Amino acid sequence: MHWYERVAASLRDRGVSNAEVGRNMTPKVTGQAITLKLQGKRPVTVEELKVFAAMAGMTVAEALGDDVVIELQDEKDLIELYRLLSDDQKRAFMDMLKATVRAADK
């Protein structure tokens, strides 16, 4: 299950509308924009992910699971997102990053 499916299901279970989620974003976005993000058709920033997770009653790590596809604005977003991951997710991320660097060095 993708992160957006997990979050969308939790929002539905909690009776939270996409319009309500959109009003809690900074800047505010439409319910349609939220629908596209929860269908995996639009990228999500770290700040948006934090709002999604909070409104779904989840931590960011729970919302993401093993599915880490976030639009990063700069290195600060990367650091902030890393801090939100569980210990297992941090280990997996670092292993992937090290393998990527090794492959680039060849």
N, C-alpha and C. Protein backbone atom coordinates (compact mmCIF):
# COMPACT_ATOMS: atom_id res chain seq x y z
N MET A 1 0.85 -1.18 0.00
CA MET A 1 0.00 0.00 0.00
C MET A 1 0.89 1.24 0.00
N HIS A 2 0.58 2.20 -0.87
CA HIS A 2 1.33 3.44 -0.94
C HIS A 2 0.95 4.36 0.22
N TRP A 3 1.85 5.30 0.56
CA TRP A 3 1.60 6.20 1.69
C TRP A 3 0.28 6.94 1.52
N TYR A 4 0.00 7.39 0.30
CA TYR A 4 -1.19 8.21 0.08
C TYR A 4 -2.47 7.40 0.23
N GLU A 5 -2.41 6.10 -0.06
CA GLU A 5 -3.58 5.24 0.15
C GLU A 5 -3.83 5.03 1.64
N ARG A 6 -2.74 4.85 2.39
CA ARG A 6 -2.83 4.67 3.84
C ARG A 6 -3.43 5.92 4.49
N VAL A 7 -2.94 7.10 4.09
CA VAL A 7 -3.40 8.36 4.66
C VAL A 7 -4.85 8.62 4.24
N ALA A 8 -5.17 8.41 2.97
CA ALA A 8 -6.54 8.64 2.50
C ALA A 8 -7.54 7.77 3.26
N ALA A 9 -7.19 6.50 3.49
CA ALA A 9 -8.08 5.60 4.22
C ALA A 9 -8.29 6.09 5.65
N SER A 10 -7.22 6.54 6.29
CA SER A 10 -7.34 7.03 7.66
C SER A 10 -8.16 8.31 7.72
N LEU A 11 -7.97 9.20 6.75
CA LEU A 11 -8.76 10.44 6.71
C LEU A 11 -10.25 10.10 6.54
N ARG A 12 -10.54 9.16 5.65
CA ARG A 12 -11.94 8.74 5.45
C ARG A 12 -12.52 8.18 6.74
N ASP A 13 -11.76 7.30 7.40
CA ASP A 13 -12.22 6.68 8.65
C ASP A 13 -12.50 7.72 9.73
N ARG A 14 -11.73 8.79 9.71
CA ARG A 14 -11.88 9.86 10.70
C ARG A 14 -12.91 10.91 10.29
N GLY A 15 -13.44 10.78 9.08
CA GLY A 15 -14.45 11.72 8.59
C GLY A 15 -13.88 13.08 8.22
N VAL A 16 -12.60 13.11 7.83
CA VAL A 16 -11.94 14.36 7.47
C VAL A 16 -12.01 14.53 5.95
N SER A 17 -12.58 15.64 5.50
CA SER A 17 -12.72 15.87 4.06
C SER A 17 -11.42 16.41 3.47
N ASN A 18 -11.27 16.23 2.17
CA ASN A 18 -10.09 16.77 1.48
C ASN A 18 -10.08 18.29 1.55
N ALA A 19 -11.27 18.92 1.52
CA ALA A 19 -11.34 20.38 1.64
C ALA A 19 -10.81 20.83 2.99
N GLU A 20 -11.14 20.08 4.05
CA GLU A 20 -10.65 20.43 5.39
C GLU A 20 -9.13 20.30 5.46
N VAL A 21 -8.60 19.25 4.86
CA VAL A 21 -7.14 19.08 4.82
C VAL A 21 -6.52 20.27 4.08
N GLY A 22 -7.10 20.64 2.95
CA GLY A 22 -6.58 21.76 2.16
C GLY A 22 -6.56 23.06 2.93
N ARG A 23 -7.57 23.29 3.77
CA ARG A 23 -7.62 24.52 4.58
C ARG A 23 -6.54 24.55 5.64
N ASN A 24 -6.02 23.38 6.00
CA ASN A 24 -4.96 23.32 7.02
C ASN A 24 -3.56 23.40 6.43
N MET A 25 -3.46 23.39 5.11
CA MET A 25 -2.16 23.52 4.46
C MET A 25 -1.73 24.99 4.45
N THR A 26 -0.43 25.21 4.40
CA THR A 26 0.11 26.57 4.27
C THR A 26 1.01 26.59 3.05
N PRO A 27 0.65 27.30 2.00
CA PRO A 27 -0.60 28.04 1.83
C PRO A 27 -1.77 27.08 1.63
N LYS A 28 -2.99 27.59 1.84
CA LYS A 28 -4.19 26.78 1.67
C LYS A 28 -4.30 26.32 0.22
N VAL A 29 -4.83 25.10 0.05
CA VAL A 29 -5.05 24.55 -1.29
C VAL A 29 -6.47 24.00 -1.35
N THR A 30 -6.92 23.74 -2.55
CA THR A 30 -8.28 23.24 -2.74
C THR A 30 -8.39 21.77 -2.38
N GLY A 31 -9.63 21.35 -2.15
CA GLY A 31 -9.88 19.93 -1.92
C GLY A 31 -9.47 19.09 -3.12
N GLN A 32 -9.63 19.65 -4.33
CA GLN A 32 -9.23 18.93 -5.55
C GLN A 32 -7.72 18.70 -5.57
N ALA A 33 -6.95 19.70 -5.14
CA ALA A 33 -5.49 19.54 -5.07
C ALA A 33 -5.12 18.43 -4.09
N ILE A 34 -5.84 18.36 -2.98
CA ILE A 34 -5.59 17.30 -2.00
C ILE A 34 -5.94 15.94 -2.61
N THR A 35 -7.05 15.88 -3.33
CA THR A 35 -7.44 14.63 -3.98
C THR A 35 -6.33 14.12 -4.89
N LEU A 36 -5.75 15.02 -5.69
CA LEU A 36 -4.67 14.62 -6.61
C LEU A 36 -3.45 14.12 -5.85
N LYS A 37 -3.13 14.76 -4.73
CA LYS A 37 -1.99 14.32 -3.92
C LYS A 37 -2.27 12.94 -3.30
N LEU A 38 -3.53 12.73 -2.87
CA LEU A 38 -3.89 11.45 -2.25
C LEU A 38 -4.15 10.36 -3.27
N GLN A 39 -4.06 10.70 -4.54
CA GLN A 39 -4.10 9.69 -5.60
C GLN A 39 -2.70 9.43 -6.15
N GLY A 40 -1.69 10.11 -5.59
CA GLY A 40 -0.32 9.94 -6.05
C GLY A 40 -0.04 10.63 -7.37
N LYS A 41 -0.90 11.57 -7.77
CA LYS A 41 -0.74 12.25 -9.05
C LYS A 41 0.00 13.57 -8.94
N ARG A 42 0.22 14.05 -7.72
CA ARG A 42 0.94 15.30 -7.50
C ARG A 42 1.96 15.08 -6.39
N PRO A 43 3.12 15.75 -6.48
CA PRO A 43 4.14 15.61 -5.42
C PRO A 43 3.68 16.24 -4.11
N VAL A 44 4.31 15.82 -3.04
CA VAL A 44 3.99 16.30 -1.70
C VAL A 44 5.27 16.78 -1.04
N THR A 45 5.19 17.94 -0.39
CA THR A 45 6.35 18.46 0.32
C THR A 45 6.39 17.90 1.74
N VAL A 46 7.49 18.12 2.43
CA VAL A 46 7.62 17.66 3.81
C VAL A 46 6.55 18.31 4.68
N GLU A 47 6.34 19.61 4.52
CA GLU A 47 5.34 20.31 5.33
C GLU A 47 3.94 19.76 5.07
N GLU A 48 3.62 19.49 3.82
CA GLU A 48 2.31 18.92 3.50
C GLU A 48 2.17 17.53 4.11
N LEU A 49 3.22 16.74 4.05
CA LEU A 49 3.17 15.40 4.62
C LEU A 49 2.89 15.46 6.12
N LYS A 50 3.48 16.43 6.80
CA LYS A 50 3.25 16.58 8.23
C LYS A 50 1.78 16.88 8.52
N VAL A 51 1.16 17.72 7.69
CA VAL A 51 -0.27 18.03 7.85
C VAL A 51 -1.11 16.78 7.58
N PHE A 52 -0.82 16.10 6.47
CA PHE A 52 -1.56 14.87 6.15
C PHE A 52 -1.50 13.89 7.31
N ALA A 53 -0.30 13.63 7.81
CA ALA A 53 -0.13 12.65 8.88
C ALA A 53 -0.89 13.07 10.14
N ALA A 54 -0.75 14.32 10.54
CA ALA A 54 -1.42 14.79 11.76
C ALA A 54 -2.93 14.66 11.64
N MET A 55 -3.48 15.07 10.50
CA MET A 55 -4.93 15.00 10.33
C MET A 55 -5.44 13.57 10.20
N ALA A 56 -4.55 12.66 9.78
CA ALA A 56 -4.91 11.24 9.68
C ALA A 56 -4.68 10.51 11.00
N GLY A 57 -4.16 11.23 12.01
CA GLY A 57 -3.91 10.61 13.31
C GLY A 57 -2.72 9.67 13.31
N MET A 58 -1.72 10.00 12.48
CA MET A 58 -0.54 9.15 12.33
C MET A 58 0.72 9.99 12.54
N THR A 59 1.80 9.30 12.82
CA THR A 59 3.10 9.97 12.74
C THR A 59 3.51 9.97 11.28
N VAL A 60 4.50 10.77 10.93
CA VAL A 60 4.99 10.78 9.56
C VAL A 60 5.57 9.41 9.21
N ALA A 61 6.28 8.81 10.14
CA ALA A 61 6.85 7.48 9.89
C ALA A 61 5.76 6.45 9.61
N GLU A 62 4.65 6.51 10.36
CA GLU A 62 3.54 5.59 10.12
C GLU A 62 2.91 5.84 8.76
N ALA A 63 2.76 7.11 8.42
CA ALA A 63 2.14 7.47 7.14
C ALA A 63 2.99 6.98 5.98
N LEU A 64 4.30 7.16 6.08
CA LEU A 64 5.19 6.78 4.99
C LEU A 64 5.37 5.28 4.86
N GLY A 65 5.48 4.58 5.96
CA GLY A 65 5.82 3.16 5.89
C GLY A 65 7.14 3.02 5.15
N ASP A 66 7.18 2.18 4.13
CA ASP A 66 8.39 2.00 3.32
C ASP A 66 8.33 2.81 2.03
N ASP A 67 7.34 3.66 1.92
CA ASP A 67 7.06 4.38 0.68
C ASP A 67 7.52 5.83 0.81
N VAL A 68 8.75 6.13 0.46
CA VAL A 68 9.30 7.47 0.64
C VAL A 68 9.45 8.16 -0.71
N VAL A 69 8.43 8.93 -1.08
CA VAL A 69 8.46 9.70 -2.32
C VAL A 69 7.95 11.09 -2.00
N ILE A 70 8.88 11.97 -1.67
CA ILE A 70 8.53 13.32 -1.23
C ILE A 70 9.31 14.32 -2.07
N GLU A 71 8.68 15.43 -2.39
CA GLU A 71 9.36 16.49 -3.15
C GLU A 71 10.16 17.34 -2.16
N LEU A 72 11.47 17.36 -2.32
CA LEU A 72 12.33 18.13 -1.44
C LEU A 72 12.67 19.46 -2.07
N GLN A 73 12.54 20.53 -1.28
CA GLN A 73 12.87 21.86 -1.77
C GLN A 73 14.37 22.13 -1.65
N ASP A 74 14.98 21.64 -0.60
CA ASP A 74 16.41 21.82 -0.39
C ASP A 74 16.90 20.84 0.67
N GLU A 75 18.16 20.98 1.05
CA GLU A 75 18.73 20.04 2.02
C GLU A 75 18.04 20.10 3.37
N LYS A 76 17.49 21.25 3.73
CA LYS A 76 16.80 21.38 5.02
C LYS A 76 15.60 20.44 5.08
N ASP A 77 14.88 20.33 3.96
CA ASP A 77 13.75 19.40 3.91
C ASP A 77 14.22 17.97 4.10
N LEU A 78 15.35 17.64 3.49
CA LEU A 78 15.89 16.30 3.61
C LEU A 78 16.22 15.98 5.07
N ILE A 79 16.85 16.92 5.75
CA ILE A 79 17.19 16.71 7.15
C ILE A 79 15.93 16.60 8.00
N GLU A 80 14.97 17.48 7.76
CA GLU A 80 13.73 17.45 8.54
C GLU A 80 12.99 16.14 8.33
N LEU A 81 12.93 15.68 7.09
CA LEU A 81 12.26 14.42 6.80
C LEU A 81 13.00 13.26 7.46
N TYR A 82 14.32 13.27 7.39
CA TYR A 82 15.11 12.21 8.02
C TYR A 82 14.80 12.12 9.51
N ARG A 83 14.66 13.25 10.16
CA ARG A 83 14.38 13.27 11.60
C ARG A 83 13.00 12.69 11.93
N LEU A 84 12.10 12.68 10.97
CA LEU A 84 10.74 12.17 11.20
C LEU A 84 10.63 10.67 10.98
N LEU A 85 11.67 10.05 10.41
CA LEU A 85 11.64 8.63 10.11
C LEU A 85 11.85 7.78 11.36
N SER A 86 11.34 6.56 11.32
CA SER A 86 11.61 5.60 12.39
C SER A 86 13.07 5.14 12.26
N ASP A 87 13.57 4.47 13.29
CA ASP A 87 14.95 3.97 13.24
C ASP A 87 15.16 3.01 12.08
N ASP A 88 14.19 2.12 11.83
CA ASP A 88 14.31 1.19 10.71
C ASP A 88 14.33 1.93 9.38
N GLN A 89 13.48 2.94 9.24
CA GLN A 89 13.45 3.73 8.01
C GLN A 89 14.75 4.50 7.81
N LYS A 90 15.33 5.00 8.90
CA LYS A 90 16.61 5.71 8.80
C LYS A 90 17.71 4.78 8.30
N ARG A 91 17.74 3.55 8.85
CA ARG A 91 18.75 2.58 8.41
C ARG A 91 18.58 2.24 6.93
N ALA A 92 17.35 2.01 6.50
CA ALA A 92 17.09 1.67 5.10
C ALA A 92 17.47 2.84 4.19
N PHE A 93 17.14 4.04 4.61
CA PHE A 93 17.48 5.23 3.81
C PHE A 93 18.99 5.38 3.68
N MET A 94 19.71 5.23 4.77
CA MET A 94 21.16 5.38 4.72
C MET A 94 21.80 4.28 3.87
N ASP A 95 21.29 3.07 3.95
CA ASP A 95 21.80 1.99 3.10
C ASP A 95 21.60 2.32 1.63
N MET A 96 20.41 2.83 1.29
CA MET A 96 20.11 3.19 -0.09
C MET A 96 21.02 4.34 -0.55
N LEU A 97 21.20 5.33 0.31
CA LEU A 97 22.03 6.48 -0.04
C LEU A 97 23.48 6.05 -0.26
N LYS A 98 24.01 5.20 0.60
CA LYS A 98 25.38 4.71 0.45
C LYS A 98 25.54 3.91 -0.85
N ALA A 99 24.56 3.08 -1.17
CA ALA A 99 24.62 2.29 -2.40
C ALA A 99 24.58 3.21 -3.62
N THR A 100 23.80 4.26 -3.55
CA THR A 100 23.73 5.23 -4.66
C THR A 100 25.06 5.92 -4.88
N VAL A 101 25.70 6.32 -3.79
CA VAL A 101 27.01 6.98 -3.89
C VAL A 101 28.05 6.02 -4.45
N ARG A 102 28.05 4.78 -3.99
CA ARG A 102 29.00 3.77 -4.49
C ARG A 102 28.79 3.57 -5.98
N ALA A 103 27.55 3.47 -6.41
CA ALA A 103 27.27 3.25 -7.83
C ALA A 103 27.70 4.45 -8.67
N ALA A 104 27.58 5.65 -8.14
CA ALA A 104 27.97 6.86 -8.87
C ALA A 104 29.49 6.97 -8.98
N ASP A 105 30.20 6.40 -8.02
CA ASP A 105 31.66 6.45 -8.04
C ASP A 105 32.28 5.49 -9.04
N LYS A 106 31.51 4.55 -9.58
CA LYS A 106 32.05 3.55 -10.50
C LYS A 106 32.15 4.08 -11.90
